[in-house]
Amino acid sequence: MSVDPPPGAESVLPLLAPMLAVIGPPPGPKTEAEYAYETLWNGARVITHVPGDGGLRLLSQTGVDVTAQYPELDVLASLLPGPEAVLDGEIVALDDVGRPSVERLQQRMSLHQPEAITHALEELPVQLMLYL
């Protein structure tokens, strides 16, 4: 499913919506190996655009550009081997023992001012869990 680009945004990469898991009946023992299971990360689903120019763009499930809210994820652009990529993932904030924390993520998602985001990088860091 395509998502309309934000006003004024240019992109050579397709704007896609995330593929969301659906609830269905559990498989029987004979067909269990044919199914995939998705971890519940309790995060914010994003499509990550890496256009190959050293940049990165994070679009929320509704197509809103949230890149500026998560500057620590910019490093992803330098970690990819190819020149262009569109990735489906989920932004998560982990608690002190490494479990996804909805509360910590909500605190981080509510920040929009650059100064507040910079201040939160240490106390409320996020990670991007990719769906491959």
N, C-alpha and C. Protein backbone atom coordinates (compact mmCIF):
# COMPACT_ATOMS: atom_id res chain seq x y z
N MET A 1 0.84 -1.17 0.00
CA MET A 1 0.00 0.00 0.00
C MET A 1 0.88 1.23 0.00
N SER A 2 0.63 2.17 -0.88
CA SER A 2 1.42 3.40 -0.97
C SER A 2 0.86 4.46 -0.04
N VAL A 3 1.76 5.32 0.41
CA VAL A 3 1.40 6.46 1.26
C VAL A 3 1.76 7.72 0.50
N ASP A 4 0.90 8.73 0.54
CA ASP A 4 1.21 9.99 -0.13
C ASP A 4 2.39 10.66 0.55
N PRO A 5 3.31 11.27 -0.21
CA PRO A 5 4.46 11.94 0.40
C PRO A 5 4.01 13.18 1.15
N PRO A 6 4.77 13.57 2.18
CA PRO A 6 4.46 14.82 2.88
C PRO A 6 4.56 15.99 1.90
N PRO A 7 3.81 17.08 2.14
CA PRO A 7 3.87 18.23 1.24
C PRO A 7 5.29 18.71 1.03
N GLY A 8 5.66 18.94 -0.22
CA GLY A 8 6.99 19.46 -0.55
C GLY A 8 8.09 18.43 -0.54
N ALA A 9 7.79 17.18 -0.21
CA ALA A 9 8.84 16.16 -0.13
C ALA A 9 9.11 15.56 -1.50
N GLU A 10 10.37 15.39 -1.80
CA GLU A 10 10.79 14.74 -3.04
C GLU A 10 11.38 13.39 -2.66
N SER A 11 11.12 12.38 -3.45
CA SER A 11 11.69 11.07 -3.18
C SER A 11 11.75 10.27 -4.46
N VAL A 12 12.86 9.57 -4.64
CA VAL A 12 12.97 8.65 -5.76
C VAL A 12 12.59 7.25 -5.30
N LEU A 13 12.61 7.02 -4.00
CA LEU A 13 12.23 5.72 -3.47
C LEU A 13 10.72 5.68 -3.27
N PRO A 14 10.13 4.50 -3.43
CA PRO A 14 8.68 4.41 -3.26
C PRO A 14 8.27 4.69 -1.81
N LEU A 15 7.13 5.35 -1.65
CA LEU A 15 6.59 5.60 -0.33
C LEU A 15 5.61 4.48 -0.02
N LEU A 16 5.98 3.63 0.93
CA LEU A 16 5.20 2.43 1.23
C LEU A 16 4.67 2.49 2.65
N ALA A 17 3.58 1.80 2.88
CA ALA A 17 3.06 1.64 4.23
C ALA A 17 3.63 0.34 4.80
N PRO A 18 3.79 0.27 6.13
CA PRO A 18 4.33 -0.96 6.72
C PRO A 18 3.39 -2.14 6.53
N MET A 19 3.97 -3.31 6.48
CA MET A 19 3.17 -4.53 6.43
C MET A 19 2.87 -4.92 7.88
N LEU A 20 1.61 -4.90 8.24
CA LEU A 20 1.23 -5.17 9.62
C LEU A 20 0.79 -6.62 9.80
N ALA A 21 1.12 -7.18 10.95
CA ALA A 21 0.70 -8.53 11.27
C ALA A 21 -0.81 -8.56 11.44
N VAL A 22 -1.38 -9.69 11.17
CA VAL A 22 -2.82 -9.86 11.37
C VAL A 22 -3.05 -11.05 12.31
N ILE A 23 -4.10 -10.95 13.08
CA ILE A 23 -4.44 -12.02 14.00
C ILE A 23 -5.28 -13.05 13.25
N GLY A 24 -4.94 -14.28 13.42
CA GLY A 24 -5.68 -15.36 12.79
C GLY A 24 -5.71 -16.56 13.70
N PRO A 25 -6.35 -17.60 13.25
CA PRO A 25 -6.40 -18.81 14.09
C PRO A 25 -5.01 -19.43 14.18
N PRO A 26 -4.70 -20.02 15.31
CA PRO A 26 -3.38 -20.67 15.43
C PRO A 26 -3.29 -21.86 14.49
N PRO A 27 -2.10 -22.10 13.94
CA PRO A 27 -1.95 -23.23 13.03
C PRO A 27 -1.97 -24.55 13.79
N GLY A 28 -2.32 -25.58 13.10
CA GLY A 28 -2.27 -26.91 13.68
C GLY A 28 -0.85 -27.44 13.66
N PRO A 29 -0.58 -28.52 14.35
CA PRO A 29 0.78 -29.07 14.42
C PRO A 29 1.39 -29.40 13.05
N LYS A 30 0.56 -29.80 12.09
CA LYS A 30 1.09 -30.19 10.78
C LYS A 30 1.48 -28.99 9.91
N THR A 31 0.92 -27.83 10.17
CA THR A 31 1.20 -26.65 9.33
C THR A 31 1.95 -25.56 10.08
N GLU A 32 2.31 -25.79 11.31
CA GLU A 32 2.96 -24.77 12.14
C GLU A 32 4.22 -24.19 11.48
N ALA A 33 4.99 -24.99 10.80
CA ALA A 33 6.23 -24.54 10.17
C ALA A 33 5.99 -23.58 9.01
N GLU A 34 4.77 -23.51 8.51
CA GLU A 34 4.45 -22.63 7.38
C GLU A 34 4.14 -21.20 7.82
N TYR A 35 4.08 -20.94 9.13
CA TYR A 35 3.69 -19.63 9.65
C TYR A 35 4.90 -18.88 10.19
N ALA A 36 4.78 -17.56 10.16
CA ALA A 36 5.80 -16.69 10.76
C ALA A 36 5.15 -15.98 11.94
N TYR A 37 5.95 -15.68 12.93
CA TYR A 37 5.45 -15.00 14.12
C TYR A 37 6.21 -13.69 14.27
N GLU A 38 5.53 -12.67 14.67
CA GLU A 38 6.12 -11.35 14.81
C GLU A 38 6.15 -10.96 16.28
N THR A 39 7.30 -10.54 16.76
CA THR A 39 7.45 -10.10 18.14
C THR A 39 6.67 -8.81 18.35
N LEU A 40 6.01 -8.70 19.47
CA LEU A 40 5.31 -7.47 19.83
C LEU A 40 6.31 -6.55 20.53
N TRP A 41 6.77 -5.52 19.81
CA TRP A 41 7.78 -4.62 20.33
C TRP A 41 7.20 -3.43 21.08
N ASN A 42 5.90 -3.21 20.95
CA ASN A 42 5.26 -2.04 21.59
C ASN A 42 5.96 -0.75 21.19
N GLY A 43 6.27 -0.62 19.91
CA GLY A 43 6.97 0.55 19.41
C GLY A 43 6.15 1.36 18.44
N ALA A 44 6.83 2.22 17.72
CA ALA A 44 6.22 3.07 16.71
C ALA A 44 6.68 2.56 15.35
N ARG A 45 5.77 2.07 14.55
CA ARG A 45 6.11 1.51 13.25
C ARG A 45 6.52 2.63 12.29
N VAL A 46 7.61 2.42 11.56
CA VAL A 46 8.10 3.40 10.59
C VAL A 46 8.60 2.70 9.34
N ILE A 47 8.51 3.44 8.25
CA ILE A 47 9.19 3.04 7.02
C ILE A 47 10.42 3.94 6.94
N THR A 48 11.58 3.31 6.77
CA THR A 48 12.85 4.04 6.73
C THR A 48 13.32 4.12 5.29
N HIS A 49 13.51 5.33 4.81
CA HIS A 49 14.01 5.55 3.45
C HIS A 49 15.47 5.94 3.56
N VAL A 50 16.34 5.17 2.90
CA VAL A 50 17.76 5.47 2.82
C VAL A 50 18.06 5.64 1.34
N PRO A 51 18.06 6.91 0.86
CA PRO A 51 18.17 7.15 -0.58
C PRO A 51 19.55 6.96 -1.17
N GLY A 52 20.57 6.69 -0.36
CA GLY A 52 21.90 6.45 -0.89
C GLY A 52 22.75 7.70 -0.98
N ASP A 53 22.25 8.82 -0.48
CA ASP A 53 23.02 10.07 -0.51
C ASP A 53 23.57 10.43 0.87
N GLY A 54 23.57 9.45 1.80
CA GLY A 54 24.04 9.69 3.16
C GLY A 54 22.93 10.14 4.09
N GLY A 55 21.74 10.30 3.57
CA GLY A 55 20.62 10.75 4.38
C GLY A 55 19.74 9.60 4.81
N LEU A 56 18.73 9.96 5.57
CA LEU A 56 17.79 8.98 6.08
C LEU A 56 16.47 9.70 6.34
N ARG A 57 15.37 9.03 6.09
CA ARG A 57 14.06 9.63 6.33
C ARG A 57 13.17 8.58 6.97
N LEU A 58 12.57 8.93 8.10
CA LEU A 58 11.68 8.04 8.82
C LEU A 58 10.25 8.53 8.66
N LEU A 59 9.38 7.68 8.13
CA LEU A 59 7.98 8.04 7.96
C LEU A 59 7.13 7.16 8.86
N SER A 60 6.25 7.80 9.62
CA SER A 60 5.35 7.06 10.50
C SER A 60 4.36 6.25 9.69
N GLN A 61 3.59 5.46 10.36
CA GLN A 61 2.59 4.61 9.73
C GLN A 61 1.58 5.44 8.93
N THR A 62 1.39 6.70 9.33
CA THR A 62 0.45 7.58 8.64
C THR A 62 1.13 8.47 7.61
N GLY A 63 2.44 8.28 7.39
CA GLY A 63 3.17 9.06 6.39
C GLY A 63 3.78 10.34 6.90
N VAL A 64 3.75 10.58 8.20
CA VAL A 64 4.34 11.78 8.79
C VAL A 64 5.85 11.58 8.94
N ASP A 65 6.62 12.58 8.52
CA ASP A 65 8.08 12.51 8.64
C ASP A 65 8.48 12.75 10.10
N VAL A 66 9.06 11.74 10.75
CA VAL A 66 9.47 11.83 12.15
C VAL A 66 10.98 11.76 12.30
N THR A 67 11.70 11.98 11.22
CA THR A 67 13.16 11.87 11.22
C THR A 67 13.82 12.74 12.30
N ALA A 68 13.38 13.97 12.42
CA ALA A 68 14.02 14.91 13.37
C ALA A 68 13.82 14.50 14.82
N GLN A 69 12.84 13.68 15.10
CA GLN A 69 12.59 13.25 16.48
C GLN A 69 13.56 12.17 16.95
N TYR A 70 14.24 11.52 16.01
CA TYR A 70 15.11 10.39 16.37
C TYR A 70 16.47 10.52 15.69
N PRO A 71 17.25 11.55 16.04
CA PRO A 71 18.53 11.77 15.36
C PRO A 71 19.55 10.65 15.57
N GLU A 72 19.43 9.88 16.63
CA GLU A 72 20.39 8.80 16.85
C GLU A 72 20.25 7.69 15.82
N LEU A 73 19.16 7.66 15.07
CA LEU A 73 18.98 6.63 14.05
C LEU A 73 19.63 7.01 12.73
N ASP A 74 20.15 8.22 12.60
CA ASP A 74 20.84 8.65 11.37
C ASP A 74 22.00 7.73 11.01
N VAL A 75 22.59 7.08 11.99
CA VAL A 75 23.73 6.21 11.75
C VAL A 75 23.37 5.05 10.82
N LEU A 76 22.11 4.70 10.74
CA LEU A 76 21.69 3.59 9.88
C LEU A 76 22.09 3.80 8.43
N ALA A 77 22.05 5.05 7.97
CA ALA A 77 22.41 5.33 6.57
C ALA A 77 23.83 4.90 6.25
N SER A 78 24.74 5.01 7.21
CA SER A 78 26.14 4.63 6.95
C SER A 78 26.38 3.14 7.14
N LEU A 79 25.43 2.42 7.72
CA LEU A 79 25.61 0.99 7.98
C LEU A 79 25.12 0.09 6.85
N LEU A 80 24.34 0.65 5.94
CA LEU A 80 23.78 -0.17 4.87
C LEU A 80 24.77 -0.34 3.73
N PRO A 81 24.90 -1.55 3.20
CA PRO A 81 25.89 -1.80 2.15
C PRO A 81 25.48 -1.25 0.78
N GLY A 82 24.19 -1.15 0.49
CA GLY A 82 23.73 -0.73 -0.83
C GLY A 82 23.49 0.76 -0.92
N PRO A 83 23.29 1.25 -2.13
CA PRO A 83 23.10 2.70 -2.31
C PRO A 83 21.71 3.19 -1.94
N GLU A 84 20.68 2.34 -2.03
CA GLU A 84 19.32 2.75 -1.71
C GLU A 84 18.60 1.63 -0.98
N ALA A 85 17.68 2.02 -0.07
CA ALA A 85 16.91 1.00 0.64
C ALA A 85 15.63 1.61 1.19
N VAL A 86 14.61 0.77 1.27
CA VAL A 86 13.38 1.09 1.98
C VAL A 86 13.19 -0.04 2.98
N LEU A 87 13.16 0.30 4.27
CA LEU A 87 13.10 -0.70 5.33
C LEU A 87 11.86 -0.51 6.18
N ASP A 88 11.30 -1.60 6.64
CA ASP A 88 10.15 -1.60 7.52
C ASP A 88 10.67 -1.92 8.92
N GLY A 89 10.31 -1.11 9.89
CA GLY A 89 10.79 -1.36 11.23
C GLY A 89 9.93 -0.70 12.29
N GLU A 90 10.40 -0.83 13.51
CA GLU A 90 9.67 -0.30 14.65
C GLU A 90 10.66 0.39 15.59
N ILE A 91 10.37 1.63 15.92
CA ILE A 91 11.19 2.37 16.87
C ILE A 91 10.77 1.95 18.26
N VAL A 92 11.75 1.53 19.08
CA VAL A 92 11.46 1.10 20.44
C VAL A 92 12.38 1.80 21.43
N ALA A 93 11.87 1.95 22.63
CA ALA A 93 12.67 2.45 23.75
C ALA A 93 12.70 1.32 24.78
N LEU A 94 13.88 0.93 25.19
CA LEU A 94 14.02 -0.20 26.11
C LEU A 94 14.16 0.29 27.54
N ASP A 95 13.68 -0.53 28.49
CA ASP A 95 13.84 -0.19 29.90
C ASP A 95 15.24 -0.59 30.37
N ASP A 96 15.47 -0.50 31.65
CA ASP A 96 16.81 -0.75 32.20
C ASP A 96 17.29 -2.19 32.06
N VAL A 97 16.36 -3.13 31.81
CA VAL A 97 16.77 -4.52 31.64
C VAL A 97 16.57 -5.01 30.20
N GLY A 98 16.34 -4.08 29.27
CA GLY A 98 16.29 -4.42 27.86
C GLY A 98 14.94 -4.82 27.32
N ARG A 99 13.87 -4.57 28.06
CA ARG A 99 12.52 -4.87 27.58
C ARG A 99 11.91 -3.63 26.93
N PRO A 100 11.10 -3.81 25.89
CA PRO A 100 10.42 -2.67 25.28
C PRO A 100 9.53 -1.97 26.31
N SER A 101 9.61 -0.64 26.34
CA SER A 101 8.85 0.14 27.31
C SER A 101 7.95 1.14 26.57
N VAL A 102 6.66 0.91 26.63
CA VAL A 102 5.70 1.83 26.02
C VAL A 102 5.80 3.20 26.69
N GLU A 103 5.96 3.22 27.99
CA GLU A 103 6.03 4.48 28.72
C GLU A 103 7.22 5.33 28.27
N ARG A 104 8.38 4.71 28.16
CA ARG A 104 9.57 5.45 27.73
C ARG A 104 9.42 5.95 26.29
N LEU A 105 8.84 5.11 25.43
CA LEU A 105 8.65 5.53 24.04
C LEU A 105 7.65 6.68 23.96
N GLN A 106 6.58 6.63 24.74
CA GLN A 106 5.60 7.72 24.74
C GLN A 106 6.25 9.03 25.18
N GLN A 107 7.11 8.96 26.18
CA GLN A 107 7.82 10.17 26.61
C GLN A 107 8.64 10.74 25.47
N ARG A 108 9.32 9.86 24.77
CA ARG A 108 10.18 10.29 23.66
C ARG A 108 9.37 10.81 22.48
N MET A 109 8.26 10.13 22.16
CA MET A 109 7.42 10.53 21.04
C MET A 109 6.80 11.90 21.25
N SER A 110 6.64 12.30 22.49
CA SER A 110 5.99 13.58 22.77
C SER A 110 6.94 14.77 22.58
N LEU A 111 8.21 14.50 22.36
CA LEU A 111 9.20 15.57 22.20
C LEU A 111 9.29 16.01 20.75
N HIS A 112 9.23 17.34 20.54
CA HIS A 112 9.34 17.87 19.17
C HIS A 112 10.35 19.01 19.06
N GLN A 113 10.68 19.65 20.16
CA GLN A 113 11.65 20.74 20.14
C GLN A 113 13.07 20.16 20.09
N PRO A 114 13.92 20.68 19.20
CA PRO A 114 15.28 20.14 19.07
C PRO A 114 16.05 20.07 20.38
N GLU A 115 15.91 21.08 21.23
CA GLU A 115 16.65 21.07 22.51
C GLU A 115 16.19 19.93 23.40
N ALA A 116 14.88 19.70 23.45
CA ALA A 116 14.34 18.63 24.28
C ALA A 116 14.77 17.26 23.74
N ILE A 117 14.78 17.11 22.43
CA ILE A 117 15.20 15.85 21.82
C ILE A 117 16.66 15.58 22.11
N THR A 118 17.51 16.59 21.96
CA THR A 118 18.94 16.44 22.25
C THR A 118 19.15 16.04 23.71
N HIS A 119 18.41 16.66 24.60
CA HIS A 119 18.52 16.33 26.03
C HIS A 119 18.10 14.88 26.31
N ALA A 120 17.10 14.38 25.57
CA ALA A 120 16.56 13.04 25.80
C ALA A 120 17.41 11.93 25.19
N LEU A 121 18.37 12.26 24.32
CA LEU A 121 19.16 11.22 23.65
C LEU A 121 19.83 10.28 24.65
N GLU A 122 20.25 10.79 25.78
CA GLU A 122 20.94 9.96 26.76
C GLU A 122 19.96 9.24 27.69
N GLU A 123 18.92 9.93 28.13
CA GLU A 123 17.99 9.35 29.09
C GLU A 123 16.91 8.48 28.45
N LEU A 124 16.52 8.80 27.21
CA LEU A 124 15.46 8.06 26.53
C LEU A 124 15.89 7.66 25.12
N PRO A 125 16.98 6.90 25.00
CA PRO A 125 17.44 6.51 23.66
C PRO A 125 16.46 5.54 23.02
N VAL A 126 16.45 5.54 21.70
CA VAL A 126 15.60 4.59 20.97
C VAL A 126 16.47 3.73 20.06
N GLN A 127 15.88 2.64 19.62
CA GLN A 127 16.51 1.74 18.66
C GLN A 127 15.50 1.44 17.58
N LEU A 128 15.99 1.02 16.44
CA LEU A 128 15.11 0.63 15.34
C LEU A 128 15.23 -0.87 15.15
N MET A 129 14.12 -1.56 15.36
CA MET A 129 14.05 -3.00 15.12
C MET A 129 13.51 -3.20 13.72
N LEU A 130 14.31 -3.80 12.84
CA LEU A 130 13.91 -3.97 11.45
C LEU A 130 13.20 -5.30 11.24
N TYR A 131 12.21 -5.25 10.37
CA TYR A 131 11.52 -6.47 9.96
C TYR A 131 12.13 -6.89 8.63
N LEU A 132 12.70 -8.07 8.60
CA LEU A 132 13.36 -8.56 7.40
C LEU A 132 12.63 -9.76 6.82
